[in-house]
Amino acid sequence: MPEGTGRKAAIEAYDVGGKTGTARKIGDNGYDDTRHIAFFAGFAPQYAPRYVGVVLINEPQTEQVGGGSIAARIFSRVMSNVLRLLSVPPTDTREAV
């Protein structure tokens, strides 16, 4: 995942894939620029998927509200533990950056 908004979903030694998303919520007068839903939906390993994860954050209370900024990080932490605990062999033999 070298490019794109999901870079923070990367997991060392594994190829993962996924999609980020951010949506403004509806307010009294249309879209509200202060209320959002941020998400990341991903899978691993990328070329032989075994596990899928979705992280949805309703109204994040952080400066950055994008799915790639906050939800992708959570996906990375959770999925890296899933892969380790379930003994999924690494898919990326390149040296970690």
PDB file of N, CA and C in Angstrom:
ATOM      1  N   MET A   1       0.837  -1.174   0.000  1.00  0.00           N
ATOM      2  CA  MET A   1       0.000   0.000   0.000  1.00  0.00           C
ATOM      3  C   MET A   1       0.888   1.246   0.000  1.00  0.00           C
ATOM      4  N   PRO A   2       1.698   1.438  -1.028  1.00  0.00           N
ATOM      5  CA  PRO A   2       2.650   2.541  -1.037  1.00  0.00           C
ATOM      6  C   PRO A   2       2.029   3.915  -1.240  1.00  0.00           C
ATOM      7  N   GLU A   3       0.863   4.000  -1.872  1.00  0.00           N
ATOM      8  CA  GLU A   3       0.227   5.283  -2.138  1.00  0.00           C
ATOM      9  C   GLU A   3      -1.206   5.257  -1.622  1.00  0.00           C
ATOM     10  N   GLY A   4      -1.816   6.427  -1.578  1.00  0.00           N
ATOM     11  CA  GLY A   4      -3.219   6.487  -1.197  1.00  0.00           C
ATOM     12  C   GLY A   4      -3.429   6.894   0.244  1.00  0.00           C
ATOM     13  N   THR A   5      -4.694   7.009   0.611  1.00  0.00           N
ATOM     14  CA  THR A   5      -5.041   7.492   1.946  1.00  0.00           C
ATOM     15  C   THR A   5      -4.977   6.406   3.008  1.00  0.00           C
ATOM     16  N   GLY A   6      -4.828   5.154   2.608  1.00  0.00           N
ATOM     17  CA  GLY A   6      -4.798   4.053   3.566  1.00  0.00           C
ATOM     18  C   GLY A   6      -3.422   3.630   4.006  1.00  0.00           C
ATOM     19  N   ARG A   7      -2.412   4.437   3.765  1.00  0.00           N
ATOM     20  CA  ARG A   7      -1.030   4.052   4.108  1.00  0.00           C
ATOM     21  C   ARG A   7      -0.857   3.699   5.587  1.00  0.00           C
ATOM     22  N   LYS A   8      -1.634   4.315   6.447  1.00  0.00           N
ATOM     23  CA  LYS A   8      -1.495   4.065   7.885  1.00  0.00           C
ATOM     24  C   LYS A   8      -2.060   2.718   8.300  1.00  0.00           C
ATOM     25  N   ALA A   9      -2.665   1.990   7.359  1.00  0.00           N
ATOM     26  CA  ALA A   9      -3.165   0.637   7.634  1.00  0.00           C
ATOM     27  C   ALA A   9      -2.071  -0.409   7.413  1.00  0.00           C
ATOM     28  N   ALA A  10      -0.915   0.017   6.950  1.00  0.00           N
ATOM     29  CA  ALA A  10       0.171  -0.917   6.650  1.00  0.00           C
ATOM     30  C   ALA A  10       0.565  -1.722   7.883  1.00  0.00           C
ATOM     31  N   ILE A  11       0.948  -2.965   7.623  1.00  0.00           N
ATOM     32  CA  ILE A  11       1.415  -3.863   8.680  1.00  0.00           C
ATOM     33  C   ILE A  11       2.767  -4.409   8.239  1.00  0.00           C
ATOM     34  N   GLU A  12       3.763  -4.239   9.081  1.00  0.00           N
ATOM     35  CA  GLU A  12       5.096  -4.704   8.743  1.00  0.00           C
ATOM     36  C   GLU A  12       5.079  -6.191   8.403  1.00  0.00           C
ATOM     37  N   ALA A  13       5.699  -6.537   7.295  1.00  0.00           N
ATOM     38  CA  ALA A  13       5.872  -7.905   6.812  1.00  0.00           C
ATOM     39  C   ALA A  13       4.626  -8.515   6.172  1.00  0.00           C
ATOM     40  N   TYR A  14       3.552  -7.745   6.023  1.00  0.00           N
ATOM     41  CA  TYR A  14       2.333  -8.239   5.401  1.00  0.00           C
ATOM     42  C   TYR A  14       1.857  -7.260   4.339  1.00  0.00           C
ATOM     43  N   ASP A  15       1.305  -7.800   3.269  1.00  0.00           N
ATOM     44  CA  ASP A  15       0.627  -6.978   2.272  1.00  0.00           C
ATOM     45  C   ASP A  15      -0.848  -6.951   2.654  1.00  0.00           C
ATOM     46  N   VAL A  16      -1.397  -5.750   2.800  1.00  0.00           N
ATOM     47  CA  VAL A  16      -2.809  -5.613   3.140  1.00  0.00           C
ATOM     48  C   VAL A  16      -3.482  -4.721   2.107  1.00  0.00           C
ATOM     49  N   GLY A  17      -4.788  -4.830   1.998  1.00  0.00           N
ATOM     50  CA  GLY A  17      -5.559  -3.982   1.098  1.00  0.00           C
ATOM     51  C   GLY A  17      -6.741  -3.413   1.834  1.00  0.00           C
ATOM     52  N   GLY A  18      -7.273  -2.326   1.306  1.00  0.00           N
ATOM     53  CA  GLY A  18      -8.437  -1.768   1.956  1.00  0.00           C
ATOM     54  C   GLY A  18      -8.881  -0.462   1.345  1.00  0.00           C
ATOM     55  N   LYS A  19      -9.888   0.118   1.944  1.00  0.00           N
ATOM     56  CA  LYS A  19     -10.501   1.349   1.462  1.00  0.00           C
ATOM     57  C   LYS A  19     -10.833   2.247   2.637  1.00  0.00           C
ATOM     58  N   THR A  20     -10.429   3.508   2.519  1.00  0.00           N
ATOM     59  CA  THR A  20     -10.769   4.497   3.532  1.00  0.00           C
ATOM     60  C   THR A  20     -12.048   5.220   3.133  1.00  0.00           C
ATOM     61  N   GLY A  21     -12.656   5.843   4.109  1.00  0.00           N
ATOM     62  CA  GLY A  21     -13.827   6.651   3.809  1.00  0.00           C
ATOM     63  C   GLY A  21     -14.098   7.649   4.912  1.00  0.00           C
ATOM     64  N   THR A  22     -14.631   8.790   4.509  1.00  0.00           N
ATOM     65  CA  THR A  22     -15.022   9.830   5.451  1.00  0.00           C
ATOM     66  C   THR A  22     -16.301  10.457   4.916  1.00  0.00           C
ATOM     67  N   ALA A  23     -17.279  10.605   5.774  1.00  0.00           N
ATOM     68  CA  ALA A  23     -18.545  11.214   5.357  1.00  0.00           C
ATOM     69  C   ALA A  23     -18.984  12.247   6.374  1.00  0.00           C
ATOM     70  N   ARG A  24     -19.471  13.356   5.874  1.00  0.00           N
ATOM     71  CA  ARG A  24     -20.065  14.355   6.760  1.00  0.00           C
ATOM     72  C   ARG A  24     -21.472  13.899   7.109  1.00  0.00           C
ATOM     73  N   LYS A  25     -21.870  14.157   8.328  1.00  0.00           N
ATOM     74  CA  LYS A  25     -23.215  13.792   8.766  1.00  0.00           C
ATOM     75  C   LYS A  25     -24.187  14.925   8.442  1.00  0.00           C
ATOM     76  N   ILE A  26     -25.448  14.572   8.392  1.00  0.00           N
ATOM     77  CA  ILE A  26     -26.497  15.550   8.104  1.00  0.00           C
ATOM     78  C   ILE A  26     -26.839  16.314   9.386  1.00  0.00           C
ATOM     79  N   GLY A  27     -26.927  17.621   9.265  1.00  0.00           N
ATOM     80  CA  GLY A  27     -27.332  18.478  10.373  1.00  0.00           C
ATOM     81  C   GLY A  27     -28.675  19.122  10.080  1.00  0.00           C
ATOM     82  N   ASP A  28     -29.018  20.105  10.854  1.00  0.00           N
ATOM     83  CA  ASP A  28     -30.303  20.793  10.681  1.00  0.00           C
ATOM     84  C   ASP A  28     -30.407  21.522   9.342  1.00  0.00           C
ATOM     85  N   ASN A  29     -29.264  21.981   8.820  1.00  0.00           N
ATOM     86  CA  ASN A  29     -29.270  22.771   7.580  1.00  0.00           C
ATOM     87  C   ASN A  29     -28.445  22.114   6.475  1.00  0.00           C
ATOM     88  N   GLY A  30     -28.504  20.815   6.384  1.00  0.00           N
ATOM     89  CA  GLY A  30     -27.714  20.109   5.367  1.00  0.00           C
ATOM     90  C   GLY A  30     -26.489  19.457   5.998  1.00  0.00           C
ATOM     91  N   TYR A  31     -25.461  19.268   5.184  1.00  0.00           N
ATOM     92  CA  TYR A  31     -24.247  18.614   5.699  1.00  0.00           C
ATOM     93  C   TYR A  31     -23.586  19.452   6.774  1.00  0.00           C
ATOM     94  N   ASP A  32     -23.159  18.793   7.838  1.00  0.00           N
ATOM     95  CA  ASP A  32     -22.526  19.446   8.981  1.00  0.00           C
ATOM     96  C   ASP A  32     -21.020  19.249   8.861  1.00  0.00           C
ATOM     97  N   ASP A  33     -20.275  20.343   8.760  1.00  0.00           N
ATOM     98  CA  ASP A  33     -18.824  20.256   8.600  1.00  0.00           C
ATOM     99  C   ASP A  33     -18.087  19.885   9.882  1.00  0.00           C
ATOM    100  N   THR A  34     -18.810  19.740  10.991  1.00  0.00           N
ATOM    101  CA  THR A  34     -18.154  19.413  12.258  1.00  0.00           C
ATOM    102  C   THR A  34     -18.457  17.997  12.741  1.00  0.00           C
ATOM    103  N   ARG A  35     -19.318  17.277  12.027  1.00  0.00           N
ATOM    104  CA  ARG A  35     -19.692  15.918  12.433  1.00  0.00           C
ATOM    105  C   ARG A  35     -19.417  14.961  11.274  1.00  0.00           C
ATOM    106  N   HIS A  36     -18.659  13.896  11.576  1.00  0.00           N
ATOM    107  CA  HIS A  36     -18.230  12.975  10.532  1.00  0.00           C
ATOM    108  C   HIS A  36     -18.353  11.517  10.969  1.00  0.00           C
ATOM    109  N   ILE A  37     -18.297  10.644   9.988  1.00  0.00           N
ATOM    110  CA  ILE A  37     -18.094   9.219  10.200  1.00  0.00           C
ATOM    111  C   ILE A  37     -16.833   8.871   9.416  1.00  0.00           C
ATOM    112  N   ALA A  38     -15.880   8.263  10.075  1.00  0.00           N
ATOM    113  CA  ALA A  38     -14.626   7.856   9.433  1.00  0.00           C
ATOM    114  C   ALA A  38     -14.548   6.337   9.460  1.00  0.00           C
ATOM    115  N   PHE A  39     -14.085   5.731   8.351  1.00  0.00           N
ATOM    116  CA  PHE A  39     -13.973   4.275   8.360  1.00  0.00           C
ATOM    117  C   PHE A  39     -12.792   3.781   7.553  1.00  0.00           C
ATOM    118  N   PHE A  40     -12.407   2.560   7.851  1.00  0.00           N
ATOM    119  CA  PHE A  40     -11.454   1.819   7.036  1.00  0.00           C
ATOM    120  C   PHE A  40     -11.938   0.380   7.007  1.00  0.00           C
ATOM    121  N   ALA A  41     -12.054  -0.156   5.809  1.00  0.00           N
ATOM    122  CA  ALA A  41     -12.396  -1.563   5.620  1.00  0.00           C
ATOM    123  C   ALA A  41     -11.215  -2.202   4.917  1.00  0.00           C
ATOM    124  N   GLY A  42     -10.663  -3.256   5.509  1.00  0.00           N
ATOM    125  CA  GLY A  42      -9.472  -3.859   4.926  1.00  0.00           C
ATOM    126  C   GLY A  42      -9.436  -5.363   5.070  1.00  0.00           C
ATOM    127  N   PHE A  43      -8.424  -5.959   4.430  1.00  0.00           N
ATOM    128  CA  PHE A  43      -8.262  -7.413   4.448  1.00  0.00           C
ATOM    129  C   PHE A  43      -6.789  -7.759   4.410  1.00  0.00           C
ATOM    130  N   ALA A  44      -6.475  -8.958   4.865  1.00  0.00           N
ATOM    131  CA  ALA A  44      -5.090  -9.416   4.892  1.00  0.00           C
ATOM    132  C   ALA A  44      -5.061 -10.935   4.894  1.00  0.00           C
ATOM    133  N   PRO A  45      -4.020 -11.511   4.366  1.00  0.00           N
ATOM    134  CA  PRO A  45      -3.040 -10.936   3.451  1.00  0.00           C
ATOM    135  C   PRO A  45      -3.708 -10.532   2.131  1.00  0.00           C
ATOM    136  N   GLN A  46      -3.133  -9.559   1.465  1.00  0.00           N
ATOM    137  CA  GLN A  46      -3.778  -8.947   0.308  1.00  0.00           C
ATOM    138  C   GLN A  46      -4.042  -9.936  -0.828  1.00  0.00           C
ATOM    139  N   TYR A  47      -3.081 -10.783  -1.149  1.00  0.00           N
ATOM    140  CA  TYR A  47      -3.227 -11.633  -2.339  1.00  0.00           C
ATOM    141  C   TYR A  47      -3.806 -13.011  -2.042  1.00  0.00           C
ATOM    142  N   ALA A  48      -4.047 -13.300  -0.795  1.00  0.00           N
ATOM    143  CA  ALA A  48      -4.736 -14.536  -0.393  1.00  0.00           C
ATOM    144  C   ALA A  48      -5.506 -14.221   0.885  1.00  0.00           C
ATOM    145  N   PRO A  49      -6.526 -13.362   0.785  1.00  0.00           N
ATOM    146  CA  PRO A  49      -7.215 -12.860   1.988  1.00  0.00           C
ATOM    147  C   PRO A  49      -7.768 -13.972   2.871  1.00  0.00           C
ATOM    148  N   ARG A  50      -7.502 -13.829   4.164  1.00  0.00           N
ATOM    149  CA  ARG A  50      -8.033 -14.754   5.164  1.00  0.00           C
ATOM    150  C   ARG A  50      -8.907 -14.030   6.177  1.00  0.00           C
ATOM    151  N   TYR A  51      -8.624 -12.736   6.382  1.00  0.00           N
ATOM    152  CA  TYR A  51      -9.328 -11.987   7.420  1.00  0.00           C
ATOM    153  C   TYR A  51      -9.738 -10.615   6.893  1.00  0.00           C
ATOM    154  N   VAL A  52     -10.904 -10.169   7.351  1.00  0.00           N
ATOM    155  CA  VAL A  52     -11.445  -8.869   6.976  1.00  0.00           C
ATOM    156  C   VAL A  52     -11.732  -8.105   8.262  1.00  0.00           C
ATOM    157  N   GLY A  53     -11.474  -6.816   8.223  1.00  0.00           N
ATOM    158  CA  GLY A  53     -11.790  -5.982   9.373  1.00  0.00           C
ATOM    159  C   GLY A  53     -12.357  -4.649   8.927  1.00  0.00           C
ATOM    160  N   VAL A  54     -13.310  -4.127   9.696  1.00  0.00           N
ATOM    161  CA  VAL A  54     -13.883  -2.817   9.417  1.00  0.00           C
ATOM    162  C   VAL A  54     -13.838  -2.001  10.700  1.00  0.00           C
ATOM    163  N   VAL A  55     -13.290  -0.810  10.584  1.00  0.00           N
ATOM    164  CA  VAL A  55     -13.245   0.110  11.722  1.00  0.00           C
ATOM    165  C   VAL A  55     -14.092   1.317  11.354  1.00  0.00           C
ATOM    166  N   LEU A  56     -15.081   1.632  12.183  1.00  0.00           N
ATOM    167  CA  LEU A  56     -15.969   2.767  11.951  1.00  0.00           C
ATOM    168  C   LEU A  56     -15.930   3.643  13.192  1.00  0.00           C
ATOM    169  N   ILE A  57     -15.647   4.907  12.984  1.00  0.00           N
ATOM    170  CA  ILE A  57     -15.600   5.851  14.098  1.00  0.00           C
ATOM    171  C   ILE A  57     -16.674   6.902  13.858  1.00  0.00           C
ATOM    172  N   ASN A  58     -17.653   6.922  14.742  1.00  0.00           N
ATOM    173  CA  ASN A  58     -18.763   7.855  14.643  1.00  0.00           C
ATOM    174  C   ASN A  58     -18.410   9.142  15.380  1.00  0.00           C
ATOM    175  N   GLU A  59     -18.361  10.232  14.658  1.00  0.00           N
ATOM    176  CA  GLU A  59     -18.046  11.550  15.209  1.00  0.00           C
ATOM    177  C   GLU A  59     -16.716  11.571  15.959  1.00  0.00           C
ATOM    178  N   PRO A  60     -15.609  11.347  15.247  1.00  0.00           N
ATOM    179  CA  PRO A  60     -14.300  11.396  15.899  1.00  0.00           C
ATOM    180  C   PRO A  60     -14.063  12.755  16.562  1.00  0.00           C
ATOM    181  N   GLN A  61     -13.460  12.712  17.716  1.00  0.00           N
ATOM    182  CA  GLN A  61     -13.202  13.926  18.494  1.00  0.00           C
ATOM    183  C   GLN A  61     -11.724  14.305  18.402  1.00  0.00           C
ATOM    184  N   THR A  62     -11.177  14.234  17.208  1.00  0.00           N
ATOM    185  CA  THR A  62      -9.779  14.560  16.973  1.00  0.00           C
ATOM    186  C   THR A  62      -9.694  15.641  15.903  1.00  0.00           C
ATOM    187  N   GLU A  63      -8.520  16.235  15.766  1.00  0.00           N
ATOM    188  CA  GLU A  63      -8.340  17.269  14.756  1.00  0.00           C
ATOM    189  C   GLU A  63      -8.487  16.683  13.352  1.00  0.00           C
ATOM    190  N   GLN A  64      -7.892  15.518  13.130  1.00  0.00           N
ATOM    191  CA  GLN A  64      -8.035  14.838  11.846  1.00  0.00           C
ATOM    192  C   GLN A  64      -9.226  13.900  11.925  1.00  0.00           C
ATOM    193  N   VAL A  65     -10.092  13.963  10.925  1.00  0.00           N
ATOM    194  CA  VAL A  65     -11.316  13.169  10.979  1.00  0.00           C
ATOM    195  C   VAL A  65     -11.406  12.144   9.852  1.00  0.00           C
ATOM    196  N   GLY A  66     -10.407  12.050   9.012  1.00  0.00           N
ATOM    197  CA  GLY A  66     -10.454  11.150   7.870  1.00  0.00           C
ATOM    198  C   GLY A  66     -10.248   9.694   8.252  1.00  0.00           C
ATOM    199  N   GLY A  67     -10.866   8.812   7.486  1.00  0.00           N
ATOM    200  CA  GLY A  67     -10.705   7.381   7.723  1.00  0.00           C
ATOM    201  C   GLY A  67      -9.259   6.939   7.619  1.00  0.00           C
ATOM    202  N   GLY A  68      -8.511   7.528   6.692  1.00  0.00           N
ATOM    203  CA  GLY A  68      -7.104   7.182   6.550  1.00  0.00           C
ATOM    204  C   GLY A  68      -6.252   7.694   7.702  1.00  0.00           C
ATOM    205  N   SER A  69      -6.700   8.736   8.344  1.00  0.00           N
ATOM    206  CA  SER A  69      -5.932   9.316   9.455  1.00  0.00           C
ATOM    207  C   SER A  69      -6.121   8.571  10.761  1.00  0.00           C
ATOM    208  N   ILE A  70      -7.342   8.124  11.037  1.00  0.00           N
ATOM    209  CA  ILE A  70      -7.589   7.516  12.340  1.00  0.00           C
ATOM    210  C   ILE A  70      -8.050   6.066  12.264  1.00  0.00           C
ATOM    211  N   ALA A  71      -8.991   5.756  11.405  1.00  0.00           N
ATOM    212  CA  ALA A  71      -9.511   4.385  11.355  1.00  0.00           C
ATOM    213  C   ALA A  71      -8.479   3.402  10.800  1.00  0.00           C
ATOM    214  N   ALA A  72      -7.672   3.831   9.829  1.00  0.00           N
ATOM    215  CA  ALA A  72      -6.660   2.939   9.256  1.00  0.00           C
ATOM    216  C   ALA A  72      -5.627   2.529  10.301  1.00  0.00           C
ATOM    217  N   ARG A  73      -5.267   3.434  11.179  1.00  0.00           N
ATOM    218  CA  ARG A  73      -4.304   3.112  12.251  1.00  0.00           C
ATOM    219  C   ARG A  73      -4.853   2.021  13.175  1.00  0.00           C
ATOM    220  N   ILE A  74      -6.110   2.129  13.511  1.00  0.00           N
ATOM    221  CA  ILE A  74      -6.730   1.140  14.394  1.00  0.00           C
ATOM    222  C   ILE A  74      -6.786  -0.214  13.695  1.00  0.00           C
ATOM    223  N   PHE A  75      -7.162  -0.220  12.414  1.00  0.00           N
ATOM    224  CA  PHE A  75      -7.158  -1.461  11.639  1.00  0.00           C
ATOM    225  C   PHE A  75      -5.780  -2.114  11.693  1.00  0.00           C
ATOM    226  N   SER A  76      -4.737  -1.335  11.474  1.00  0.00           N
ATOM    227  CA  SER A  76      -3.368  -1.872  11.478  1.00  0.00           C
ATOM    228  C   SER A  76      -3.038  -2.544  12.805  1.00  0.00           C
ATOM    229  N   ARG A  77      -3.362  -1.895  13.890  1.00  0.00           N
ATOM    230  CA  ARG A  77      -3.070  -2.464  15.217  1.00  0.00           C
ATOM    231  C   ARG A  77      -3.837  -3.762  15.467  1.00  0.00           C
ATOM    232  N   VAL A  78      -5.119  -3.741  15.162  1.00  0.00           N
ATOM    233  CA  VAL A  78      -5.948  -4.925  15.406  1.00  0.00           C
ATOM    234  C   VAL A  78      -5.543  -6.070  14.481  1.00  0.00           C
ATOM    235  N   MET A  79      -5.434  -5.797  13.177  1.00  0.00           N
ATOM    236  CA  MET A  79      -5.134  -6.856  12.216  1.00  0.00           C
ATOM    237  C   MET A  79      -3.735  -7.422  12.421  1.00  0.00           C
ATOM    238  N   SER A  80      -2.781  -6.617  12.823  1.00  0.00           N
ATOM    239  CA  SER A  80      -1.440  -7.155  13.075  1.00  0.00           C
ATOM    240  C   SER A  80      -1.482  -8.163  14.219  1.00  0.00           C
ATOM    241  N   ASN A  81      -2.294  -7.902  15.225  1.00  0.00           N
ATOM    242  CA  ASN A  81      -2.445  -8.863  16.323  1.00  0.00           C
ATOM    243  C   ASN A  81      -3.179 -10.117  15.877  1.00  0.00           C
ATOM    244  N   VAL A  82      -4.193  -9.972  15.036  1.00  0.00           N
ATOM    245  CA  VAL A  82      -4.912 -11.140  14.507  1.00  0.00           C
ATOM    246  C   VAL A  82      -3.946 -12.039  13.746  1.00  0.00           C
ATOM    247  N   LEU A  83      -3.169 -11.443  12.851  1.00  0.00           N
ATOM    248  CA  LEU A  83      -2.234 -12.228  12.036  1.00  0.00           C
ATOM    249  C   LEU A  83      -1.193 -12.934  12.900  1.00  0.00           C
ATOM    250  N   ARG A  84      -0.698 -12.236  13.898  1.00  0.00           N
ATOM    251  CA  ARG A  84       0.296 -12.834  14.796  1.00  0.00           C
ATOM    252  C   ARG A  84      -0.310 -13.948  15.639  1.00  0.00           C
ATOM    253  N   LEU A  85      -1.460 -13.687  16.260  1.00  0.00           N
ATOM    254  CA  LEU A  85      -2.081 -14.682  17.138  1.00  0.00           C
ATOM    255  C   LEU A  85      -2.527 -15.936  16.393  1.00  0.00           C
ATOM    256  N   LEU A  86      -2.893 -15.770  15.120  1.00  0.00           N
ATOM    257  CA  LEU A  86      -3.354 -16.916  14.332  1.00  0.00           C
ATOM    258  C   LEU A  86      -2.243 -17.499  13.458  1.00  0.00           C
ATOM    259  N   SER A  87      -1.002 -17.082  13.716  1.00  0.00           N
ATOM    260  CA  SER A  87       0.203 -17.630  13.069  1.00  0.00           C
ATOM    261  C   SER A  87       0.146 -17.586  11.547  1.00  0.00           C
ATOM    262  N   VAL A  88      -0.336 -16.487  11.005  1.00  0.00           N
ATOM    263  CA  VAL A  88      -0.347 -16.313   9.551  1.00  0.00           C
ATOM    264  C   VAL A  88       1.070 -15.928   9.126  1.00  0.00           C
ATOM    265  N   PRO A  89       1.671 -16.689   8.202  1.00  0.00           N
ATOM    266  CA  PRO A  89       3.052 -16.382   7.799  1.00  0.00           C
ATOM    267  C   PRO A  89       3.134 -15.041   7.078  1.00  0.00           C
ATOM    268  N   PRO A  90       4.236 -14.328   7.260  1.00  0.00           N
ATOM    269  CA  PRO A  90       4.416 -13.032   6.587  1.00  0.00           C
ATOM    270  C   PRO A  90       4.342 -13.186   5.072  1.00  0.00           C
ATOM    271  N   THR A  91       3.871 -12.121   4.422  1.00  0.00           N
ATOM    272  CA  THR A  91       3.772 -12.151   2.963  1.00  0.00           C
ATOM    273  C   THR A  91       4.790 -11.245   2.309  1.00  0.00           C
ATOM    274  N   ASP A  92       5.395 -10.367   3.074  1.00  0.00           N
ATOM    275  CA  ASP A  92       6.333  -9.416   2.521  1.00  0.00           C
ATOM    276  C   ASP A  92       7.700  -9.665   3.111  1.00  0.00           C
ATOM    277  N   THR A  93       8.614 -10.101   2.281  1.00  0.00           N
ATOM    278  CA  THR A  93       9.964 -10.431   2.769  1.00  0.00           C
ATOM    279  C   THR A  93      10.923  -9.275   2.628  1.00  0.00           C
ATOM    280  N   ARG A  94      10.435  -8.120   2.127  1.00  0.00           N
ATOM    281  CA  ARG A  94      11.291  -6.944   2.039  1.00  0.00           C
ATOM    282  C   ARG A  94      11.610  -6.433   3.433  1.00  0.00           C
ATOM    283  N   GLU A  95      12.749  -5.781   3.526  1.00  0.00           N
ATOM    284  CA  GLU A  95      13.162  -5.212   4.808  1.00  0.00           C
ATOM    285  C   GLU A  95      12.210  -4.079   5.190  1.00  0.00           C
ATOM    286  N   ALA A  96      11.830  -4.019   6.430  1.00  0.00           N
ATOM    287  CA  ALA A  96      10.907  -2.994   6.904  1.00  0.00           C
ATOM    288  C   ALA A  96      11.537  -1.616   6.741  1.00  0.00           C
ATOM    289  N   VAL A  97      10.733  -0.643   6.381  1.00  0.00           N
ATOM    290  CA  VAL A  97      11.205   0.726   6.181  1.00  0.00           C
ATOM    291  C   VAL A  97      11.101   1.490   7.468  1.00  0.00           C
TER     292      VAL A  97
END
